[in-house]
Protein backbone atom coordinates (compact mmCIF):
# COMPACT_ATOMS: atom_id res chain seq x y z
CA MET A 1 -0.17 -0.03 -0.10
CA ARG A 2 1.21 3.56 -0.64
CA ILE A 3 -0.01 6.84 0.61
CA LEU A 4 -0.36 9.51 -1.94
CA LEU A 5 -0.65 13.24 -1.45
CA LEU A 6 -1.62 15.87 -4.04
CA GLY A 7 -1.53 19.24 -2.71
CA VAL A 8 -0.85 23.07 -3.11
CA ASN A 9 -0.27 25.61 -0.66
CA HIS A 10 0.54 29.29 -0.58
CA LYS A 11 4.26 28.93 -0.77
CA THR A 12 3.96 26.51 -4.19
CA VAL A 13 0.96 28.25 -5.99
CA PRO A 14 -0.60 31.80 -6.45
CA LEU A 15 -3.83 32.48 -4.79
CA ASP A 16 -5.78 31.91 -7.78
CA VAL A 17 -4.86 28.37 -8.14
CA ARG A 18 -5.59 27.66 -4.56
CA GLU A 19 -9.11 29.16 -4.95
CA ALA A 20 -9.80 27.07 -7.84
CA ALA A 21 -8.41 23.88 -6.18
CA SER A 22 -10.33 24.59 -2.64
CA PHE A 23 -13.04 22.22 -1.83
CA SER A 24 -16.27 23.36 -0.19
CA LYS A 25 -17.78 21.12 2.35
CA SER A 26 -20.15 20.00 -0.21
CA LYS A 27 -17.70 19.34 -2.77
CA VAL A 28 -15.68 17.07 -0.23
CA ILE A 29 -18.93 15.29 0.47
CA GLU A 30 -19.33 14.56 -3.16
CA ALA A 31 -15.80 13.76 -3.96
CA LEU A 32 -15.09 11.48 -1.25
CA PRO A 33 -17.05 8.44 -2.40
CA ALA A 34 -15.63 8.70 -5.92
CA LEU A 35 -11.88 9.24 -4.03
CA GLN A 36 -12.43 6.03 -1.91
CA GLY A 37 -13.68 3.93 -4.92
CA LEU A 38 -10.55 4.68 -6.59
CA ALA A 39 -8.17 4.21 -3.66
CA GLY A 40 -9.84 2.88 -0.73
CA GLU A 41 -9.20 5.56 1.80
CA ALA A 42 -9.24 9.19 1.19
CA VAL A 43 -9.07 12.42 2.96
CA VAL A 44 -9.52 15.85 1.57
CA LEU A 45 -8.15 18.80 3.70
CA SER A 46 -9.08 22.44 2.13
CA THR A 47 -8.20 25.45 4.26
CA TYR A 48 -7.64 28.92 3.04
CA ASN A 49 -3.98 28.45 2.50
CA ARG A 50 -3.58 25.00 1.28
CA THR A 51 -5.66 21.84 -0.23
CA GLY A 52 -4.31 18.35 -0.01
CA ILE A 53 -5.99 15.21 -1.22
CA TYR A 54 -4.65 12.05 0.82
CA VAL A 55 -5.35 8.56 -0.52
CA ILE A 56 -4.24 4.98 0.62
CA THR A 57 -3.95 2.64 -2.60
CA SER A 58 -2.08 -0.17 -3.67
CA ASP A 59 -2.26 0.70 -7.30
CA GLU A 60 -1.19 4.48 -7.86
CA LYS A 61 -2.19 4.30 -11.43
CA LYS A 62 -5.72 4.72 -10.37
CA PHE A 63 -5.56 7.91 -8.96
CA PRO A 64 -5.97 10.27 -11.79
CA HIS A 65 -4.32 13.25 -10.60
CA GLU A 66 -3.60 14.15 -14.41
CA SER A 67 -6.73 13.00 -16.08
CA GLY A 68 -8.95 15.79 -14.78
CA SER A 69 -11.76 13.41 -13.63
CA SER A 70 -15.01 14.90 -13.61
CA TYR A 71 -15.97 13.62 -10.09
CA ASP A 72 -13.86 16.49 -8.29
CA GLY A 73 -15.85 19.25 -9.83
CA GLY A 74 -12.68 20.37 -11.79
CA ASN A 75 -10.40 20.81 -8.71
CA LEU A 76 -7.99 18.20 -9.79
CA ARG A 77 -7.70 19.80 -13.15
CA ALA A 78 -6.83 22.92 -11.25
CA LEU A 79 -4.20 21.21 -9.44
CA SER A 80 -2.74 18.85 -12.31
CA ARG A 81 -0.80 21.93 -14.08
CA TRP A 82 1.23 22.14 -10.74
CA CYS A 83 1.84 18.53 -10.24
CA THR A 84 4.99 16.30 -10.56
CA SER A 85 4.65 12.56 -11.15
């Protein structure tokens, strides 16, 4: 098993990216079941200065940080430009 983190913070990306990548309470509730379906266990942490998606998975290829999956309301698309594999 692997723990994967996809995240941004006030030191790594500009404000407009953090705003686009943030999750409201309703978006977290919507995204968690899909993330858990992909990874088994998932946590979304979204504050004013950072957003992080933590997942536990045995197959990291199932976590689509570069695909812009529709289940996240565009949040992963906002983050993917700033991600490295």
